[in-house]
Every structure is written in structure tokens, then in C-alpha cells.
Amino acid sequence: MKILKKFLPALALLFCFNFGYAQEIKAEKHKNLKWYTISHFKWEDGKAADAKKIINDYFKPSGQDVGQQGPVMELDLLFSEWDYIVVFPMEEGLESFEWKTSPSEVEWMTAFHKRAGSPEKAKELGKNFESYIKESKSILARKTD
């Protein structure tokens, strides 16, 4: 009886699979697959407004200056360990991981330097923004049709 109790969950799991389908397996790609990065931020106490000012005054407009799509969603989170999430489409798909610095990143950084007034001022803004972040993480997501 003890042996049956040990193997019963595994046996039940096996019956969940449709073995008729398994005989017809074929390779198939997703159609219209889209990739996204979802970045989570926890701000230092009292720094959310300062961080958002840099985002809205410099980061977003720099992307717009070079015709890049901005985030598809931004959310201020309530009752969460995170304060803010932003969802960016990966316009180059997974190929963006092949670059140390992609051409679109170079375009954005060039526009950011111009909007900030100089590379030095852009570096200062970047350091300030980073100092407002208590913690962050980014995850990869996909959307299929």
C-alpha cells in the first residue's frame, strides 16, 4: 500500500498527457512572436518624483528624438515590493542580446547626450538616476498570438 501511495501522483500525472497527440508531434514556430523586457524598480525613500522627472524629461524624449518606440506600459505599483514597472518592446527581438552596444542604443545615447547638453551632463543625470534606485530587476517576456 505504501508503494502505491508513492507512485500514485506520478501515475496520475502520466494520465494527464494526451499520448495520441504525441504521435503527431512536429516542429512549429510561434507566429507573430514579440519579446519584451519588464523592468521593476524600488525607489529610495522620497526619490520617486526625482526619478520620474529624469525619465520624463530625458529618457523618454531621447528615444522619441530618434524614432524609437517608448515603453508600452508603465505602472506605479501599490501594495507591492516594487514601486514602478516599465515594459519595453524588444524591437530587435532576441538579437539584441548579441550586441555589447546595439545600434539603437548608440542612437539613444547620442540623443540623450544632446538633450542633456553634453556627454558629461548625461553621465551626471545617469548617476543621479541610479542613486534614486534602491533595487531593480529586469525579466524577459514574450507574447504569442
C-alpha atoms as a PDB file:
ATOM      1  CA  MET A   1       0.000   0.000   0.000  1.00  0.00           C
ATOM      2  CA  LYS A   2       2.854   2.403   0.798  1.00  0.00           C
ATOM      3  CA  ILE A   3       4.353   1.792  -2.633  1.00  0.00           C
ATOM      4  CA  LEU A   4       1.042   2.596  -4.324  1.00  0.00           C
ATOM      5  CA  LYS A   5       0.775   5.881  -2.372  1.00  0.00           C
ATOM      6  CA  LYS A   6       4.258   6.869  -3.526  1.00  0.00           C
ATOM      7  CA  PHE A   7       3.628   6.178  -7.193  1.00  0.00           C
ATOM      8  CA  LEU A   8       0.003   7.310  -7.406  1.00  0.00           C
ATOM      9  CA  PRO A   9       0.882  11.010  -8.087  1.00  0.00           C
ATOM     10  CA  ALA A  10       3.287  10.023 -10.857  1.00  0.00           C
ATOM     11  CA  LEU A  11       0.718   7.665 -12.346  1.00  0.00           C
ATOM     12  CA  ALA A  12      -1.948  10.388 -12.245  1.00  0.00           C
ATOM     13  CA  LEU A  13       0.436  12.789 -13.977  1.00  0.00           C
ATOM     14  CA  LEU A  14       1.030  10.310 -16.794  1.00  0.00           C
ATOM     15  CA  PHE A  15      -2.702  10.076 -17.469  1.00  0.00           C
ATOM     16  CA  CYS A  16      -2.855  13.857 -17.877  1.00  0.00           C
ATOM     17  CA  PHE A  17      -0.810  13.676 -21.072  1.00  0.00           C
ATOM     18  CA  ASN A  18      -2.566  13.122 -24.369  1.00  0.00           C
ATOM     19  CA  PHE A  19      -0.485  10.342 -25.863  1.00  0.00           C
ATOM     20  CA  GLY A  20      -2.497  10.384 -29.095  1.00  0.00           C
ATOM     21  CA  TYR A  21      -1.112  13.861 -29.748  1.00  0.00           C
ATOM     22  CA  ALA A  22       2.422  12.691 -29.030  1.00  0.00           C
ATOM     23  CA  GLN A  23       2.378  10.565 -32.187  1.00  0.00           C
ATOM     24  CA  GLU A  24       1.777  13.659 -34.332  1.00  0.00           C
ATOM     25  CA  ILE A  25       4.473  15.965 -32.956  1.00  0.00           C
ATOM     26  CA  LYS A  26       6.002  18.362 -35.467  1.00  0.00           C
ATOM     27  CA  ALA A  27       8.225  21.414 -35.158  1.00  0.00           C
ATOM     28  CA  GLU A  28       6.334  24.666 -35.320  1.00  0.00           C
ATOM     29  CA  LYS A  29       7.392  28.250 -34.652  1.00  0.00           C
ATOM     30  CA  HIS A  30       5.209  30.817 -32.944  1.00  0.00           C
ATOM     31  CA  LYS A  31       3.557  33.280 -35.288  1.00  0.00           C
ATOM     32  CA  ASN A  32       3.987  36.991 -34.558  1.00  0.00           C
ATOM     33  CA  LEU A  33       6.193  36.365 -31.548  1.00  0.00           C
ATOM     34  CA  LYS A  34       7.047  39.573 -29.685  1.00  0.00           C
ATOM     35  CA  TRP A  35       9.666  39.986 -26.960  1.00  0.00           C
ATOM     36  CA  TYR A  36       9.589  42.441 -24.067  1.00  0.00           C
ATOM     37  CA  THR A  37      11.761  43.431 -21.146  1.00  0.00           C
ATOM     38  CA  ILE A  38       9.918  44.195 -17.948  1.00  0.00           C
ATOM     39  CA  SER A  39      11.930  46.276 -15.504  1.00  0.00           C
ATOM     40  CA  HIS A  40      10.972  46.556 -11.838  1.00  0.00           C
ATOM     41  CA  PHE A  41      12.183  49.415  -9.649  1.00  0.00           C
ATOM     42  CA  LYS A  42      12.129  50.119  -5.946  1.00  0.00           C
ATOM     43  CA  TRP A  43      12.980  53.771  -5.323  1.00  0.00           C
ATOM     44  CA  GLU A  44      14.992  55.172  -2.452  1.00  0.00           C
ATOM     45  CA  ASP A  45      12.690  56.869   0.052  1.00  0.00           C
ATOM     46  CA  GLY A  46      11.440  60.204  -1.279  1.00  0.00           C
ATOM     47  CA  LYS A  47      13.142  59.819  -4.693  1.00  0.00           C
ATOM     48  CA  ALA A  48      10.272  58.603  -6.896  1.00  0.00           C
ATOM     49  CA  ALA A  49       9.454  62.103  -8.187  1.00  0.00           C
ATOM     50  CA  ASP A  50      13.131  62.833  -8.952  1.00  0.00           C
ATOM     51  CA  ALA A  51      13.496  59.546 -10.824  1.00  0.00           C
ATOM     52  CA  LYS A  52      10.322  60.146 -12.841  1.00  0.00           C
ATOM     53  CA  LYS A  53      11.475  63.661 -13.727  1.00  0.00           C
ATOM     54  CA  ILE A  54      14.624  62.248 -15.351  1.00  0.00           C
ATOM     55  CA  ILE A  55      12.562  59.562 -17.100  1.00  0.00           C
ATOM     56  CA  ASN A  56      10.018  62.055 -18.459  1.00  0.00           C
ATOM     57  CA  ASP A  57      12.396  64.945 -19.209  1.00  0.00           C
ATOM     58  CA  TYR A  58      15.341  62.994 -20.648  1.00  0.00           C
ATOM     59  CA  PHE A  59      14.937  59.246 -21.142  1.00  0.00           C
ATOM     60  CA  LYS A  60      11.613  59.157 -22.991  1.00  0.00           C
ATOM     61  CA  PRO A  61      12.229  62.231 -25.165  1.00  0.00           C
ATOM     62  CA  SER A  62      15.662  60.896 -26.179  1.00  0.00           C
ATOM     63  CA  GLY A  63      14.004  57.805 -27.593  1.00  0.00           C
ATOM     64  CA  GLN A  64      11.376  59.911 -29.337  1.00  0.00           C
ATOM     65  CA  ASP A  65      14.121  62.088 -30.861  1.00  0.00           C
ATOM     66  CA  VAL A  66      15.476  59.058 -32.742  1.00  0.00           C
ATOM     67  CA  GLY A  67      12.094  57.476 -33.532  1.00  0.00           C
ATOM     68  CA  GLN A  68      12.309  54.630 -31.047  1.00  0.00           C
ATOM     69  CA  GLN A  69       9.163  53.201 -29.559  1.00  0.00           C
ATOM     70  CA  GLY A  70       8.875  54.018 -25.896  1.00  0.00           C
ATOM     71  CA  PRO A  71       7.500  51.792 -23.205  1.00  0.00           C
ATOM     72  CA  VAL A  72       4.236  50.040 -23.984  1.00  0.00           C
ATOM     73  CA  MET A  73       3.253  50.183 -20.328  1.00  0.00           C
ATOM     74  CA  GLU A  74       4.322  51.924 -17.133  1.00  0.00           C
ATOM     75  CA  LEU A  75       2.734  51.232 -13.789  1.00  0.00           C
ATOM     76  CA  ASP A  76       3.091  52.682 -10.315  1.00  0.00           C
ATOM     77  CA  LEU A  77       2.524  49.704  -8.070  1.00  0.00           C
ATOM     78  CA  LEU A  78       0.525  49.662  -4.856  1.00  0.00           C
ATOM     79  CA  PHE A  79       0.822  47.022  -2.155  1.00  0.00           C
ATOM     80  CA  SER A  80       3.881  45.502  -3.829  1.00  0.00           C
ATOM     81  CA  GLU A  81       7.532  45.064  -3.048  1.00  0.00           C
ATOM     82  CA  TRP A  82       8.189  47.154  -6.199  1.00  0.00           C
ATOM     83  CA  ASP A  83       7.291  50.806  -6.745  1.00  0.00           C
ATOM     84  CA  TYR A  84       7.302  51.010 -10.540  1.00  0.00           C
ATOM     85  CA  ILE A  85       7.450  48.713 -13.554  1.00  0.00           C
ATOM     86  CA  VAL A  86       8.027  49.571 -17.169  1.00  0.00           C
ATOM     87  CA  VAL A  87       7.529  47.297 -20.183  1.00  0.00           C
ATOM     88  CA  PHE A  88       9.674  47.870 -23.271  1.00  0.00           C
ATOM     89  CA  PRO A  89       9.269  46.073 -26.582  1.00  0.00           C
ATOM     90  CA  MET A  90      12.460  44.469 -27.819  1.00  0.00           C
ATOM     91  CA  GLU A  91      12.286  45.847 -31.340  1.00  0.00           C
ATOM     92  CA  GLU A  92      15.273  43.743 -32.437  1.00  0.00           C
ATOM     93  CA  GLY A  93      13.939  40.633 -30.687  1.00  0.00           C
ATOM     94  CA  LEU A  94      16.414  38.297 -29.051  1.00  0.00           C
ATOM     95  CA  GLU A  95      19.103  39.508 -31.465  1.00  0.00           C
ATOM     96  CA  SER A  96      19.560  42.463 -29.129  1.00  0.00           C
ATOM     97  CA  PHE A  97      21.438  40.090 -26.773  1.00  0.00           C
ATOM     98  CA  GLU A  98      24.129  39.624 -29.438  1.00  0.00           C
ATOM     99  CA  TRP A  99      25.330  43.209 -29.046  1.00  0.00           C
ATOM    100  CA  LYS A 100      27.579  44.729 -26.415  1.00  0.00           C
ATOM    101  CA  THR A 101      26.104  48.062 -27.528  1.00  0.00           C
ATOM    102  CA  SER A 102      23.434  47.865 -30.216  1.00  0.00           C
ATOM    103  CA  PRO A 103      22.975  50.460 -32.966  1.00  0.00           C
ATOM    104  CA  SER A 104      19.680  51.541 -31.363  1.00  0.00           C
ATOM    105  CA  GLU A 105      21.435  52.023 -28.009  1.00  0.00           C
ATOM    106  CA  VAL A 106      24.065  54.179 -29.715  1.00  0.00           C
ATOM    107  CA  GLU A 107      21.296  56.270 -31.322  1.00  0.00           C
ATOM    108  CA  TRP A 108      19.526  56.670 -27.975  1.00  0.00           C
ATOM    109  CA  MET A 109      22.728  57.552 -26.077  1.00  0.00           C
ATOM    110  CA  THR A 110      23.662  60.125 -28.717  1.00  0.00           C
ATOM    111  CA  ALA A 111      20.205  61.737 -28.424  1.00  0.00           C
ATOM    112  CA  PHE A 112      20.439  61.603 -24.607  1.00  0.00           C
ATOM    113  CA  HIS A 113      23.819  63.367 -24.665  1.00  0.00           C
ATOM    114  CA  LYS A 114      22.371  66.055 -26.925  1.00  0.00           C
ATOM    115  CA  ARG A 115      19.222  66.505 -24.827  1.00  0.00           C
ATOM    116  CA  ALA A 116      21.286  66.678 -21.601  1.00  0.00           C
ATOM    117  CA  GLY A 117      23.599  69.272 -23.148  1.00  0.00           C
ATOM    118  CA  SER A 118      26.810  67.215 -23.146  1.00  0.00           C
ATOM    119  CA  PRO A 119      28.095  63.694 -22.508  1.00  0.00           C
ATOM    120  CA  GLU A 120      29.283  64.850 -19.077  1.00  0.00           C
ATOM    121  CA  LYS A 121      25.851  66.183 -18.100  1.00  0.00           C
ATOM    122  CA  ALA A 122      24.255  62.973 -19.400  1.00  0.00           C
ATOM    123  CA  LYS A 123      26.656  60.940 -17.255  1.00  0.00           C
ATOM    124  CA  GLU A 124      25.727  63.052 -14.226  1.00  0.00           C
ATOM    125  CA  LEU A 125      21.999  62.543 -14.891  1.00  0.00           C
ATOM    126  CA  GLY A 126      22.593  58.807 -15.234  1.00  0.00           C
ATOM    127  CA  LYS A 127      24.448  58.670 -11.920  1.00  0.00           C
ATOM    128  CA  ASN A 128      21.696  60.673 -10.238  1.00  0.00           C
ATOM    129  CA  PHE A 129      19.046  58.326 -11.629  1.00  0.00           C
ATOM    130  CA  GLU A 130      20.968  55.276 -10.435  1.00  0.00           C
ATOM    131  CA  SER A 131      21.263  56.814  -6.959  1.00  0.00           C
ATOM    132  CA  TYR A 132      17.446  57.003  -6.775  1.00  0.00           C
ATOM    133  CA  ILE A 133      17.136  53.238  -7.265  1.00  0.00           C
ATOM    134  CA  LYS A 134      17.132  51.118  -4.127  1.00  0.00           C
ATOM    135  CA  GLU A 135      16.700  47.879  -6.069  1.00  0.00           C
ATOM    136  CA  SER A 136      15.838  46.782  -9.587  1.00  0.00           C
ATOM    137  CA  LYS A 137      15.456  43.717 -11.737  1.00  0.00           C
ATOM    138  CA  SER A 138      14.555  43.024 -15.332  1.00  0.00           C
ATOM    139  CA  ILE A 139      12.863  39.984 -16.772  1.00  0.00           C
ATOM    140  CA  LEU A 140      12.281  38.733 -20.289  1.00  0.00           C
ATOM    141  CA  ALA A 141       8.750  38.066 -21.523  1.00  0.00           C
ATOM    142  CA  ARG A 142       7.164  37.009 -24.765  1.00  0.00           C
ATOM    143  CA  LYS A 143       3.761  37.467 -26.326  1.00  0.00           C
ATOM    144  CA  THR A 144       2.405  34.947 -28.767  1.00  0.00           C
ATOM    145  CA  ASP A 145      -0.719  35.052 -30.913  1.00  0.00           C
END
